[in-house]
Amino acid sequence: MLTGATGFIASHLLPALLAEGWSVRACGRRPRPDWFSAEVDYRSVDLTRPEELETLYDGVTHVFHLAGASSSTSTEEEMHRFNVVATQNLLAIAPAGLERFLHMSSTSVYGEEVQLSVPVTEDVQPSPSRGYGKAKWETEQVVWARAEAGLPVIVLRPVSVFGPANTKLLGSAVLDTAMEAWAGRRTLAVHARPIEQRLVHVEDLVRASLHLAGHEAAAGYAYNVVVPEYPSSHDVAAILAAAFGMEVEVDDDPTCGASYEERAAIHRQMLEQGMESRILLTEQRFRFMAKANRNNRLSVDALAATGFHFARDDLTPAIQETIEWYRDRRWIITR
């Protein structure tokens, strides 16, 4: 069973499961997506409503629990309800014979304010500092409680995930760049202070999910999922700028570049010219690249010990391919 089946990560995990021969029951709050193949058993359910879940586990051996709500589009109450409460309800009726329950958490559980031992290992005591991280950590406590009762649980803690169909984070930074290119700017301004980034391509996250779900000794542990290379905001900006024929301009002003009002006006123009309104327009320009994190570096020793290796660790072509995917579907447009 795949929860959160209409989301970004699931849009890659579902085809991968089918390709490996799994029979998939998918569930989500939205109506059945048109792109789902006929072989997918789709249930439109709200995990926060226990009365809708009575037959959800019929015939299920493995659960890939991706459902949740993020800080980009949700209030703190919604994050609690769709992460914590939904998971409580899902686990309350989990059958004893379930072979694996893979829960998609986040490295945001570690927090940014309290200094942890770096590189951060999965057994550290997290100290989440923001609403999303707190909700994900509270959700993990629900999952670990069931693990102590004998449920074979695997917890993945990915960093910022990017790739085709992503609508926020790096996707929003791509949109910011596309808008300034649309407006005729030849340079892409970026703050002079470089900020270390951490990324993982969605294909690698999917591969890690399938790998761990089938690994005999993986249950009972959490796994950081991040390519162990840390580009700076300048590095990412250079890749984005090159994709739009621009040059990076380093600026001492942390608010450099187009204002929100300018960007919103450009965004409206692009929508009028046929751009799809799919990628999140953030109030803060390059919000994704502006967050410094004292606990940025993470250990991936636990994941590596299972025999997993990253395949999409070359950032430049991975971002370029993502941008081309957006262009092909008019999620961004160029003149």
C-alpha atoms as a PDB file:
ATOM      1  CA  MET A   1       0.000   0.000   0.000  1.00  0.00           C
ATOM      2  CA  LEU A   2       1.200   3.466  -0.921  1.00  0.00           C
ATOM      3  CA  THR A   3      -0.169   6.450   1.014  1.00  0.00           C
ATOM      4  CA  GLY A   4       0.151  10.011  -0.217  1.00  0.00           C
ATOM      5  CA  ALA A   5      -0.123   8.475  -3.665  1.00  0.00           C
ATOM      6  CA  THR A   6      -0.944  11.698  -5.512  1.00  0.00           C
ATOM      7  CA  GLY A   7       2.145  13.527  -4.248  1.00  0.00           C
ATOM      8  CA  PHE A   8       5.515  14.270  -5.829  1.00  0.00           C
ATOM      9  CA  ILE A   9       7.573  11.400  -4.403  1.00  0.00           C
ATOM     10  CA  ALA A  10       4.755   8.909  -4.947  1.00  0.00           C
ATOM     11  CA  SER A  11       4.521   9.926  -8.608  1.00  0.00           C
ATOM     12  CA  HIS A  12       7.952   8.303  -8.973  1.00  0.00           C
ATOM     13  CA  LEU A  13       7.617   5.497  -6.428  1.00  0.00           C
ATOM     14  CA  LEU A  14       4.327   4.155  -7.810  1.00  0.00           C
ATOM     15  CA  PRO A  15       5.662   3.438 -11.340  1.00  0.00           C
ATOM     16  CA  ALA A  16       8.786   1.899  -9.798  1.00  0.00           C
ATOM     17  CA  LEU A  17       6.693  -0.448  -7.659  1.00  0.00           C
ATOM     18  CA  LEU A  18       4.617  -1.500 -10.657  1.00  0.00           C
ATOM     19  CA  ALA A  19       7.767  -2.030 -12.741  1.00  0.00           C
ATOM     20  CA  GLU A  20       9.085  -4.403 -10.075  1.00  0.00           C
ATOM     21  CA  GLY A  21       5.886  -6.434 -10.217  1.00  0.00           C
ATOM     22  CA  TRP A  22       4.156  -5.233  -7.056  1.00  0.00           C
ATOM     23  CA  SER A  23       0.365  -5.135  -6.832  1.00  0.00           C
ATOM     24  CA  VAL A  24      -0.325  -1.662  -5.485  1.00  0.00           C
ATOM     25  CA  ARG A  25      -3.162  -0.214  -3.460  1.00  0.00           C
ATOM     26  CA  ALA A  26      -2.721   3.546  -3.552  1.00  0.00           C
ATOM     27  CA  CYS A  27      -4.567   6.050  -1.411  1.00  0.00           C
ATOM     28  CA  GLY A  28      -4.793   9.811  -1.189  1.00  0.00           C
ATOM     29  CA  ARG A  29      -7.188  12.625  -0.326  1.00  0.00           C
ATOM     30  CA  ARG A  30      -7.642  13.683  -3.957  1.00  0.00           C
ATOM     31  CA  PRO A  31      -9.746  11.933  -6.627  1.00  0.00           C
ATOM     32  CA  ARG A  32      -8.008   9.227  -8.660  1.00  0.00           C
ATOM     33  CA  PRO A  33      -5.420  10.884 -10.949  1.00  0.00           C
ATOM     34  CA  ASP A  34      -5.892  10.361 -14.689  1.00  0.00           C
ATOM     35  CA  TRP A  35      -2.329   9.121 -15.080  1.00  0.00           C
ATOM     36  CA  PHE A  36      -2.817   6.116 -12.773  1.00  0.00           C
ATOM     37  CA  SER A  37      -2.810   2.867 -14.722  1.00  0.00           C
ATOM     38  CA  ALA A  38      -5.836   0.581 -14.490  1.00  0.00           C
ATOM     39  CA  GLU A  39      -3.907  -1.975 -12.426  1.00  0.00           C
ATOM     40  CA  VAL A  40      -3.633   0.429  -9.477  1.00  0.00           C
ATOM     41  CA  ASP A  41      -6.260  -0.135  -6.778  1.00  0.00           C
ATOM     42  CA  TYR A  42      -6.915   3.478  -5.782  1.00  0.00           C
ATOM     43  CA  ARG A  43      -8.795   4.500  -2.644  1.00  0.00           C
ATOM     44  CA  SER A  44      -9.740   8.134  -2.076  1.00  0.00           C
ATOM     45  CA  VAL A  45      -9.536   8.337   1.721  1.00  0.00           C
ATOM     46  CA  ASP A  46      -8.734  10.819   4.451  1.00  0.00           C
ATOM     47  CA  LEU A  47      -6.374   9.145   6.912  1.00  0.00           C
ATOM     48  CA  THR A  48      -7.543  11.506   9.658  1.00  0.00           C
ATOM     49  CA  ARG A  49     -10.997   9.863   9.505  1.00  0.00           C
ATOM     50  CA  PRO A  50     -10.771   6.338  11.023  1.00  0.00           C
ATOM     51  CA  GLU A  51     -14.156   5.342   9.642  1.00  0.00           C
ATOM     52  CA  GLU A  52     -12.744   5.509   6.098  1.00  0.00           C
ATOM     53  CA  LEU A  53      -9.906   3.066   6.780  1.00  0.00           C
ATOM     54  CA  GLU A  54     -11.669  -0.162   7.728  1.00  0.00           C
ATOM     55  CA  THR A  55     -10.702  -2.240   4.667  1.00  0.00           C
ATOM     56  CA  LEU A  56      -7.532  -0.385   3.726  1.00  0.00           C
ATOM     57  CA  TYR A  57      -5.156  -3.177   4.786  1.00  0.00           C
ATOM     58  CA  ASP A  58      -6.996  -6.056   3.105  1.00  0.00           C
ATOM     59  CA  GLY A  59      -4.338  -8.141   1.337  1.00  0.00           C
ATOM     60  CA  VAL A  60      -1.519  -5.694   2.157  1.00  0.00           C
ATOM     61  CA  THR A  61       1.956  -6.969   3.112  1.00  0.00           C
ATOM     62  CA  HIS A  62       4.039  -3.775   2.818  1.00  0.00           C
ATOM     63  CA  VAL A  63       3.223  -0.120   3.485  1.00  0.00           C
ATOM     64  CA  PHE A  64       5.052   2.849   1.993  1.00  0.00           C
ATOM     65  CA  HIS A  65       3.700   5.710   4.105  1.00  0.00           C
ATOM     66  CA  LEU A  66       4.317   8.969   2.263  1.00  0.00           C
ATOM     67  CA  ALA A  67       1.175  10.880   3.258  1.00  0.00           C
ATOM     68  CA  GLY A  68       1.607  14.116   5.171  1.00  0.00           C
ATOM     69  CA  ALA A  69       1.573  17.903   4.990  1.00  0.00           C
ATOM     70  CA  SER A  70       4.526  20.273   4.656  1.00  0.00           C
ATOM     71  CA  SER A  71       5.233  23.790   5.902  1.00  0.00           C
ATOM     72  CA  SER A  72       5.168  25.228   2.369  1.00  0.00           C
ATOM     73  CA  THR A  73       1.405  24.923   2.003  1.00  0.00           C
ATOM     74  CA  SER A  74      -0.018  24.029   5.440  1.00  0.00           C
ATOM     75  CA  THR A  75      -0.722  25.542   8.845  1.00  0.00           C
ATOM     76  CA  GLU A  76       0.749  24.025  12.006  1.00  0.00           C
ATOM     77  CA  GLU A  77      -2.657  22.526  12.827  1.00  0.00           C
ATOM     78  CA  GLU A  78      -2.830  20.915   9.382  1.00  0.00           C
ATOM     79  CA  MET A  79       0.718  19.599   9.708  1.00  0.00           C
ATOM     80  CA  HIS A  80      -0.198  17.973  13.027  1.00  0.00           C
ATOM     81  CA  ARG A  81      -3.430  16.521  11.681  1.00  0.00           C
ATOM     82  CA  PHE A  82      -2.134  15.159   8.376  1.00  0.00           C
ATOM     83  CA  ASN A  83       1.173  13.900   9.785  1.00  0.00           C
ATOM     84  CA  VAL A  84       0.642  12.861  13.404  1.00  0.00           C
ATOM     85  CA  VAL A  85      -3.078  12.066  13.578  1.00  0.00           C
ATOM     86  CA  ALA A  86      -3.147  10.394  10.160  1.00  0.00           C
ATOM     87  CA  THR A  87      -0.240   8.128  11.111  1.00  0.00           C
ATOM     88  CA  GLN A  88      -1.814   7.288  14.471  1.00  0.00           C
ATOM     89  CA  ASN A  89      -4.976   6.183  12.688  1.00  0.00           C
ATOM     90  CA  LEU A  90      -3.079   4.210  10.057  1.00  0.00           C
ATOM     91  CA  LEU A  91      -0.996   2.350  12.632  1.00  0.00           C
ATOM     92  CA  ALA A  92      -3.913   1.753  14.985  1.00  0.00           C
ATOM     93  CA  ILE A  93      -5.354  -0.759  12.523  1.00  0.00           C
ATOM     94  CA  ALA A  94      -2.085  -2.152  11.120  1.00  0.00           C
ATOM     95  CA  PRO A  95      -2.317  -5.967  11.081  1.00  0.00           C
ATOM     96  CA  ALA A  96       0.151  -7.994  13.121  1.00  0.00           C
ATOM     97  CA  GLY A  97       1.421  -9.873  10.064  1.00  0.00           C
ATOM     98  CA  LEU A  98       2.549  -6.797   8.156  1.00  0.00           C
ATOM     99  CA  GLU A  99       6.003  -7.473   6.673  1.00  0.00           C
ATOM    100  CA  ARG A 100       7.240  -3.870   6.426  1.00  0.00           C
ATOM    101  CA  PHE A 101       6.022  -0.388   7.324  1.00  0.00           C
ATOM    102  CA  LEU A 102       8.262   2.176   5.628  1.00  0.00           C
ATOM    103  CA  HIS A 103       7.669   5.692   6.937  1.00  0.00           C
ATOM    104  CA  MET A 104       8.883   8.765   5.042  1.00  0.00           C
ATOM    105  CA  SER A 105      10.089  11.242   7.641  1.00  0.00           C
ATOM    106  CA  SER A 106      12.501  14.160   7.127  1.00  0.00           C
ATOM    107  CA  THR A 107      15.891  15.414   8.275  1.00  0.00           C
ATOM    108  CA  SER A 108      14.015  18.476   9.546  1.00  0.00           C
ATOM    109  CA  VAL A 109      13.517  16.449  12.748  1.00  0.00           C
ATOM    110  CA  TYR A 110      17.114  17.283  13.710  1.00  0.00           C
ATOM    111  CA  GLY A 111      16.443  21.022  13.884  1.00  0.00           C
ATOM    112  CA  GLU A 112      18.640  23.985  13.048  1.00  0.00           C
ATOM    113  CA  GLU A 113      19.086  25.864  16.343  1.00  0.00           C
ATOM    114  CA  VAL A 114      20.635  23.332  18.748  1.00  0.00           C
ATOM    115  CA  GLN A 115      24.101  22.220  17.677  1.00  0.00           C
ATOM    116  CA  LEU A 116      24.262  18.452  17.255  1.00  0.00           C
ATOM    117  CA  SER A 117      27.320  16.301  16.681  1.00  0.00           C
ATOM    118  CA  VAL A 118      28.226  16.604  12.983  1.00  0.00           C
ATOM    119  CA  PRO A 119      27.906  14.657  10.762  1.00  0.00           C
ATOM    120  CA  VAL A 120      24.513  13.974  12.304  1.00  0.00           C
ATOM    121  CA  THR A 121      23.804  10.286  12.836  1.00  0.00           C
ATOM    122  CA  GLU A 122      20.345   8.756  13.048  1.00  0.00           C
ATOM    123  CA  ASP A 123      20.711   7.812  16.730  1.00  0.00           C
ATOM    124  CA  VAL A 124      21.203  11.403  17.924  1.00  0.00           C
ATOM    125  CA  GLN A 125      18.489  13.019  20.067  1.00  0.00           C
ATOM    126  CA  PRO A 126      16.699  15.336  17.599  1.00  0.00           C
ATOM    127  CA  SER A 127      15.823  18.908  18.513  1.00  0.00           C
ATOM    128  CA  PRO A 128      13.345  20.130  15.894  1.00  0.00           C
ATOM    129  CA  SER A 129      13.000  23.899  15.863  1.00  0.00           C
ATOM    130  CA  ARG A 130      10.269  24.565  13.298  1.00  0.00           C
ATOM    131  CA  GLY A 131       6.670  23.458  12.923  1.00  0.00           C
ATOM    132  CA  TYR A 132       7.285  20.911  10.178  1.00  0.00           C
ATOM    133  CA  GLY A 133      10.226  19.306  11.954  1.00  0.00           C
ATOM    134  CA  LYS A 134       8.250  19.117  15.188  1.00  0.00           C
ATOM    135  CA  ALA A 135       5.305  17.479  13.411  1.00  0.00           C
ATOM    136  CA  LYS A 136       7.561  14.948  11.680  1.00  0.00           C
ATOM    137  CA  TRP A 137       9.371  14.112  14.930  1.00  0.00           C
ATOM    138  CA  GLU A 138       6.078  13.650  16.793  1.00  0.00           C
ATOM    139  CA  THR A 139       4.950  11.401  13.946  1.00  0.00           C
ATOM    140  CA  GLU A 140       8.126   9.355  14.259  1.00  0.00           C
ATOM    141  CA  GLN A 141       7.364   8.780  17.944  1.00  0.00           C
ATOM    142  CA  VAL A 142       4.065   7.210  16.908  1.00  0.00           C
ATOM    143  CA  VAL A 143       5.903   4.977  14.434  1.00  0.00           C
ATOM    144  CA  TRP A 144       8.640   3.961  16.873  1.00  0.00           C
ATOM    145  CA  ALA A 145       6.042   3.075  19.507  1.00  0.00           C
ATOM    146  CA  ARG A 146       4.570   0.509  17.116  1.00  0.00           C
ATOM    147  CA  ALA A 147       8.071  -0.731  16.305  1.00  0.00           C
ATOM    148  CA  GLU A 148       8.602  -1.447  20.006  1.00  0.00           C
ATOM    149  CA  ALA A 149       5.407  -3.504  19.889  1.00  0.00           C
ATOM    150  CA  GLY A 150       6.864  -5.658  17.117  1.00  0.00           C
ATOM    151  CA  LEU A 151       5.947  -3.934  13.858  1.00  0.00           C
ATOM    152  CA  PRO A 152       8.864  -4.120  11.351  1.00  0.00           C
ATOM    153  CA  VAL A 153       9.384  -0.395  10.784  1.00  0.00           C
ATOM    154  CA  ILE A 154      11.825   1.460   8.524  1.00  0.00           C
ATOM    155  CA  VAL A 155      12.135   5.251   8.747  1.00  0.00           C
ATOM    156  CA  LEU A 156      13.678   7.308   5.956  1.00  0.00           C
ATOM    157  CA  ARG A 157      14.884  10.851   6.643  1.00  0.00           C
ATOM    158  CA  PRO A 158      15.515  12.521   3.280  1.00  0.00           C
ATOM    159  CA  VAL A 159      16.812  16.039   2.747  1.00  0.00           C
ATOM    160  CA  SER A 160      15.374  18.411   0.118  1.00  0.00           C
ATOM    161  CA  VAL A 161      14.117  16.211  -2.706  1.00  0.00           C
ATOM    162  CA  PHE A 162      14.173  17.456  -6.293  1.00  0.00           C
ATOM    163  CA  GLY A 163      13.420  16.135  -9.753  1.00  0.00           C
ATOM    164  CA  PRO A 164      10.615  16.062 -12.322  1.00  0.00           C
ATOM    165  CA  ALA A 165       7.192  17.008 -10.892  1.00  0.00           C
ATOM    166  CA  ASN A 166       8.674  18.754  -7.840  1.00  0.00           C
ATOM    167  CA  THR A 167       6.636  21.886  -7.118  1.00  0.00           C
ATOM    168  CA  LYS A 168       8.601  23.589  -4.336  1.00  0.00           C
ATOM    169  CA  LEU A 169      12.077  23.998  -2.794  1.00  0.00           C
ATOM    170  CA  LEU A 170      14.479  23.687  -5.742  1.00  0.00           C
ATOM    171  CA  GLY A 171      11.463  23.829  -8.057  1.00  0.00           C
ATOM    172  CA  SER A 172      10.597  27.263  -6.667  1.00  0.00           C
ATOM    173  CA  ALA A 173      14.199  28.389  -7.210  1.00  0.00           C
ATOM    174  CA  VAL A 174      13.929  27.265 -10.843  1.00  0.00           C
ATOM    175  CA  LEU A 175      10.738  29.312 -11.164  1.00  0.00           C
ATOM    176  CA  ASP A 176      12.455  32.362  -9.644  1.00  0.00           C
ATOM    177  CA  THR A 177      15.236  32.062 -12.210  1.00  0.00           C
ATOM    178  CA  ALA A 178      12.804  31.529 -15.079  1.00  0.00           C
ATOM    179  CA  MET A 179      10.870  34.653 -14.106  1.00  0.00           C
ATOM    180  CA  GLU A 180      13.958  36.851 -14.069  1.00  0.00           C
ATOM    181  CA  ALA A 181      15.052  35.426 -17.420  1.00  0.00           C
ATOM    182  CA  TRP A 182      11.545  36.133 -18.772  1.00  0.00           C
ATOM    183  CA  ALA A 183      11.891  39.734 -17.592  1.00  0.00           C
ATOM    184  CA  GLY A 184      15.070  40.095 -19.637  1.00  0.00           C
ATOM    185  CA  ARG A 185      17.628  40.056 -16.840  1.00  0.00           C
ATOM    186  CA  ARG A 186      21.032  38.863 -17.964  1.00  0.00           C
ATOM    187  CA  THR A 187      22.437  38.295 -14.494  1.00  0.00           C
ATOM    188  CA  LEU A 188      21.143  36.236 -11.589  1.00  0.00           C
ATOM    189  CA  ALA A 189      21.858  37.987  -8.299  1.00  0.00           C
ATOM    190  CA  VAL A 190      22.792  35.813  -5.332  1.00  0.00           C
ATOM    191  CA  HIS A 191      23.819  36.870  -1.839  1.00  0.00           C
ATOM    192  CA  ALA A 192      27.583  37.009  -1.312  1.00  0.00           C
ATOM    193  CA  ARG A 193      27.485  34.698   1.711  1.00  0.00           C
ATOM    194  CA  PRO A 194      27.413  31.131   0.359  1.00  0.00           C
ATOM    195  CA  ILE A 195      25.054  28.778   2.160  1.00  0.00           C
ATOM    196  CA  GLU A 196      25.670  25.057   2.090  1.00  0.00           C
ATOM    197  CA  GLN A 197      22.878  23.030   0.480  1.00  0.00           C
ATOM    198  CA  ARG A 198      21.854  19.388   0.779  1.00  0.00           C
ATOM    199  CA  LEU A 199      19.878  17.608  -1.896  1.00  0.00           C
ATOM    200  CA  VAL A 200      18.754  14.219  -3.113  1.00  0.00           C
ATOM    201  CA  HIS A 201      17.217  13.355  -6.463  1.00  0.00           C
ATOM    202  CA  VAL A 202      13.794  11.730  -6.245  1.00  0.00           C
ATOM    203  CA  GLU A 203      15.040   8.730  -8.235  1.00  0.00           C
ATOM    204  CA  ASP A 204      17.623   7.998  -5.547  1.00  0.00           C
ATOM    205  CA  LEU A 205      15.015   8.349  -2.806  1.00  0.00           C
ATOM    206  CA  VAL A 206      12.777   5.880  -4.640  1.00  0.00           C
ATOM    207  CA  ARG A 207      15.686   3.475  -5.085  1.00  0.00           C
ATOM    208  CA  ALA A 208      16.543   3.754  -1.383  1.00  0.00           C
ATOM    209  CA  SER A 209      12.914   3.070  -0.435  1.00  0.00           C
ATOM    210  CA  LEU A 210      12.722  -0.083  -2.541  1.00  0.00           C
ATOM    211  CA  HIS A 211      16.176  -1.222  -1.452  1.00  0.00           C
ATOM    212  CA  LEU A 212      15.423  -0.890   2.257  1.00  0.00           C
ATOM    213  CA  ALA A 213      11.937  -2.389   1.978  1.00  0.00           C
ATOM    214  CA  GLY A 214      13.525  -5.545   0.594  1.00  0.00           C
ATOM    215  CA  HIS A 215      16.568  -5.650   2.876  1.00  0.00           C
ATOM    216  CA  GLU A 216      16.327  -8.352   5.534  1.00  0.00           C
ATOM    217  CA  ALA A 217      18.196  -6.407   8.220  1.00  0.00           C
ATOM    218  CA  ALA A 218      16.859  -2.887   7.563  1.00  0.00           C
ATOM    219  CA  ALA A 219      13.832  -2.958   9.879  1.00  0.00           C
ATOM    220  CA  GLY A 220      14.034  -1.174  13.208  1.00  0.00           C
ATOM    221  CA  TYR A 221      16.261   1.667  12.052  1.00  0.00           C
ATOM    222  CA  ALA A 222      16.182   5.183  10.609  1.00  0.00           C
ATOM    223  CA  TYR A 223      18.228   6.195   7.573  1.00  0.00           C
ATOM    224  CA  ASN A 224      19.428   9.611   6.441  1.00  0.00           C
ATOM    225  CA  VAL A 225      19.053   9.953   2.679  1.00  0.00           C
ATOM    226  CA  VAL A 226      21.333  12.619   1.216  1.00  0.00           C
ATOM    227  CA  VAL A 227      24.046  12.677  -1.408  1.00  0.00           C
ATOM    228  CA  PRO A 228      27.154  13.183   0.774  1.00  0.00           C
ATOM    229  CA  GLU A 229      28.307  16.205  -1.197  1.00  0.00           C
ATOM    230  CA  TYR A 230      27.267  19.699  -0.195  1.00  0.00           C
ATOM    231  CA  PRO A 231      27.130  22.334  -2.939  1.00  0.00           C
ATOM    232  CA  SER A 232      26.868  25.977  -1.955  1.00  0.00           C
ATOM    233  CA  SER A 233      24.049  28.327  -2.877  1.00  0.00           C
ATOM    234  CA  HIS A 234      26.519  29.844  -5.358  1.00  0.00           C
ATOM    235  CA  ASP A 235      27.037  26.440  -6.993  1.00  0.00           C
ATOM    236  CA  VAL A 236      23.294  25.858  -7.359  1.00  0.00           C
ATOM    237  CA  ALA A 237      22.744  29.407  -8.629  1.00  0.00           C
ATOM    238  CA  ALA A 238      25.434  28.881 -11.276  1.00  0.00           C
ATOM    239  CA  ILE A 239      23.650  25.755 -12.560  1.00  0.00           C
ATOM    240  CA  LEU A 240      20.316  27.583 -12.662  1.00  0.00           C
ATOM    241  CA  ALA A 241      21.770  30.660 -14.340  1.00  0.00           C
ATOM    242  CA  ALA A 242      23.533  28.616 -17.028  1.00  0.00           C
ATOM    243  CA  ALA A 243      20.290  26.811 -17.867  1.00  0.00           C
ATOM    244  CA  PHE A 244      18.699  30.165 -18.723  1.00  0.00           C
ATOM    245  CA  GLY A 245      21.682  31.792 -20.434  1.00  0.00           C
ATOM    246  CA  MET A 246      22.452  34.048 -17.473  1.00  0.00           C
ATOM    247  CA  GLU A 247      25.519  34.865 -15.398  1.00  0.00           C
ATOM    248  CA  VAL A 248      25.677  34.802 -11.596  1.00  0.00           C
ATOM    249  CA  GLU A 249      26.165  38.173  -9.917  1.00  0.00           C
ATOM    250  CA  VAL A 250      27.296  38.103  -6.283  1.00  0.00           C
ATOM    251  CA  ASP A 251      25.658  40.828  -4.192  1.00  0.00           C
ATOM    252  CA  ASP A 252      26.249  41.971  -0.604  1.00  0.00           C
ATOM    253  CA  ASP A 253      22.531  42.665  -0.170  1.00  0.00           C
ATOM    254  CA  PRO A 254      20.735  39.575   1.233  1.00  0.00           C
ATOM    255  CA  THR A 255      17.507  40.812  -0.410  1.00  0.00           C
ATOM    256  CA  CYS A 256      19.109  41.163  -3.841  1.00  0.00           C
ATOM    257  CA  GLY A 257      17.215  40.360  -7.007  1.00  0.00           C
ATOM    258  CA  ALA A 258      13.615  41.008  -7.957  1.00  0.00           C
ATOM    259  CA  SER A 259      11.200  41.892  -5.153  1.00  0.00           C
ATOM    260  CA  TYR A 260       8.122  39.805  -4.460  1.00  0.00           C
ATOM    261  CA  GLU A 261       5.924  42.425  -6.123  1.00  0.00           C
ATOM    262  CA  GLU A 262       8.072  42.322  -9.260  1.00  0.00           C
ATOM    263  CA  ARG A 263       8.137  38.537  -9.280  1.00  0.00           C
ATOM    264  CA  ALA A 264       4.376  38.279  -8.758  1.00  0.00           C
ATOM    265  CA  ALA A 265       3.780  40.625 -11.704  1.00  0.00           C
ATOM    266  CA  ILE A 266       6.126  38.621 -13.933  1.00  0.00           C
ATOM    267  CA  HIS A 267       4.442  35.424 -12.773  1.00  0.00           C
ATOM    268  CA  ARG A 268       1.046  36.762 -13.851  1.00  0.00           C
ATOM    269  CA  GLN A 269       2.445  37.660 -17.271  1.00  0.00           C
ATOM    270  CA  MET A 270       3.842  34.160 -17.720  1.00  0.00           C
ATOM    271  CA  LEU A 271       0.541  32.572 -16.716  1.00  0.00           C
ATOM    272  CA  GLU A 272      -1.217  34.768 -19.269  1.00  0.00           C
ATOM    273  CA  GLN A 273       1.188  33.412 -21.885  1.00  0.00           C
ATOM    274  CA  GLY A 274       0.261  29.818 -21.127  1.00  0.00           C
ATOM    275  CA  MET A 275       2.528  28.764 -18.263  1.00  0.00           C
ATOM    276  CA  GLU A 276       0.959  26.154 -15.982  1.00  0.00           C
ATOM    277  CA  SER A 277       0.457  27.274 -12.390  1.00  0.00           C
ATOM    278  CA  ARG A 278       2.112  24.239 -10.822  1.00  0.00           C
ATOM    279  CA  ILE A 279       5.326  25.387  -9.131  1.00  0.00           C
ATOM    280  CA  LEU A 280       4.991  27.241  -5.832  1.00  0.00           C
ATOM    281  CA  LEU A 281       5.792  30.963  -6.004  1.00  0.00           C
ATOM    282  CA  THR A 282       7.360  31.827  -2.645  1.00  0.00           C
ATOM    283  CA  GLU A 283       7.254  35.280  -1.101  1.00  0.00           C
ATOM    284  CA  GLN A 284      10.985  35.114  -0.380  1.00  0.00           C
ATOM    285  CA  ARG A 285      13.148  34.870  -3.492  1.00  0.00           C
ATOM    286  CA  PHE A 286      15.363  31.772  -3.461  1.00  0.00           C
ATOM    287  CA  ARG A 287      13.867  30.836  -0.086  1.00  0.00           C
ATOM    288  CA  PHE A 288      15.116  27.288  -0.571  1.00  0.00           C
ATOM    289  CA  MET A 289      18.750  28.429  -0.780  1.00  0.00           C
ATOM    290  CA  ALA A 290      18.638  31.012   2.023  1.00  0.00           C
ATOM    291  CA  LYS A 291      18.359  28.704   5.034  1.00  0.00           C
ATOM    292  CA  ALA A 292      21.634  28.169   6.895  1.00  0.00           C
ATOM    293  CA  ASN A 293      21.655  25.034   9.049  1.00  0.00           C
ATOM    294  CA  ARG A 294      24.292  24.308  11.664  1.00  0.00           C
ATOM    295  CA  ASN A 295      23.347  20.615  11.443  1.00  0.00           C
ATOM    296  CA  ASN A 296      23.542  20.517   7.664  1.00  0.00           C
ATOM    297  CA  ARG A 297      25.995  17.642   7.279  1.00  0.00           C
ATOM    298  CA  LEU A 298      24.577  14.191   7.834  1.00  0.00           C
ATOM    299  CA  SER A 299      26.014  10.715   8.162  1.00  0.00           C
ATOM    300  CA  VAL A 300      24.931   8.220   5.515  1.00  0.00           C
ATOM    301  CA  ASP A 301      26.946   5.357   7.002  1.00  0.00           C
ATOM    302  CA  ALA A 302      23.806   3.454   8.014  1.00  0.00           C
ATOM    303  CA  LEU A 303      22.406   3.569   4.490  1.00  0.00           C
ATOM    304  CA  ALA A 304      25.770   2.700   2.933  1.00  0.00           C
ATOM    305  CA  ALA A 305      26.107  -0.304   5.266  1.00  0.00           C
ATOM    306  CA  THR A 306      23.038  -1.854   3.610  1.00  0.00           C
ATOM    307  CA  GLY A 307      24.820  -1.801   0.253  1.00  0.00           C
ATOM    308  CA  PHE A 308      22.990   1.200  -1.185  1.00  0.00           C
ATOM    309  CA  HIS A 309      24.745   3.658  -3.486  1.00  0.00           C
ATOM    310  CA  PHE A 310      23.523   6.884  -5.063  1.00  0.00           C
ATOM    311  CA  ALA A 311      23.069   6.961  -8.839  1.00  0.00           C
ATOM    312  CA  ARG A 312      22.031  10.613  -9.365  1.00  0.00           C
ATOM    313  CA  ASP A 313      24.878  12.337  -7.550  1.00  0.00           C
ATOM    314  CA  ASP A 314      25.994  14.576 -10.444  1.00  0.00           C
ATOM    315  CA  LEU A 315      24.004  17.700  -9.646  1.00  0.00           C
ATOM    316  CA  THR A 316      24.427  19.651 -12.884  1.00  0.00           C
ATOM    317  CA  PRO A 317      22.800  17.201 -15.331  1.00  0.00           C
ATOM    318  CA  ALA A 318      20.184  16.237 -12.736  1.00  0.00           C
ATOM    319  CA  ILE A 319      19.040  19.854 -12.361  1.00  0.00           C
ATOM    320  CA  GLN A 320      19.277  20.491 -16.098  1.00  0.00           C
ATOM    321  CA  GLU A 321      17.070  17.463 -16.832  1.00  0.00           C
ATOM    322  CA  THR A 322      14.549  18.660 -14.258  1.00  0.00           C
ATOM    323  CA  ILE A 323      14.403  22.098 -15.880  1.00  0.00           C
ATOM    324  CA  GLU A 324      13.838  20.528 -19.287  1.00  0.00           C
ATOM    325  CA  TRP A 325      11.003  18.459 -17.810  1.00  0.00           C
ATOM    326  CA  TYR A 326       9.403  21.675 -16.550  1.00  0.00           C
ATOM    327  CA  ARG A 327       9.826  23.328 -19.948  1.00  0.00           C
ATOM    328  CA  ASP A 328       8.337  20.403 -21.837  1.00  0.00           C
ATOM    329  CA  ARG A 329       5.182  20.609 -19.715  1.00  0.00           C
ATOM    330  CA  ARG A 330       5.087  24.423 -19.594  1.00  0.00           C
ATOM    331  CA  TRP A 331       5.564  24.511 -15.843  1.00  0.00           C
ATOM    332  CA  ILE A 332       8.032  27.231 -16.813  1.00  0.00           C
ATOM    333  CA  ILE A 333       8.208  29.059 -20.135  1.00  0.00           C
ATOM    334  CA  THR A 334      10.860  31.073 -21.918  1.00  0.00           C
ATOM    335  CA  ARG A 335      10.665  33.730 -24.586  1.00  0.00           C
END
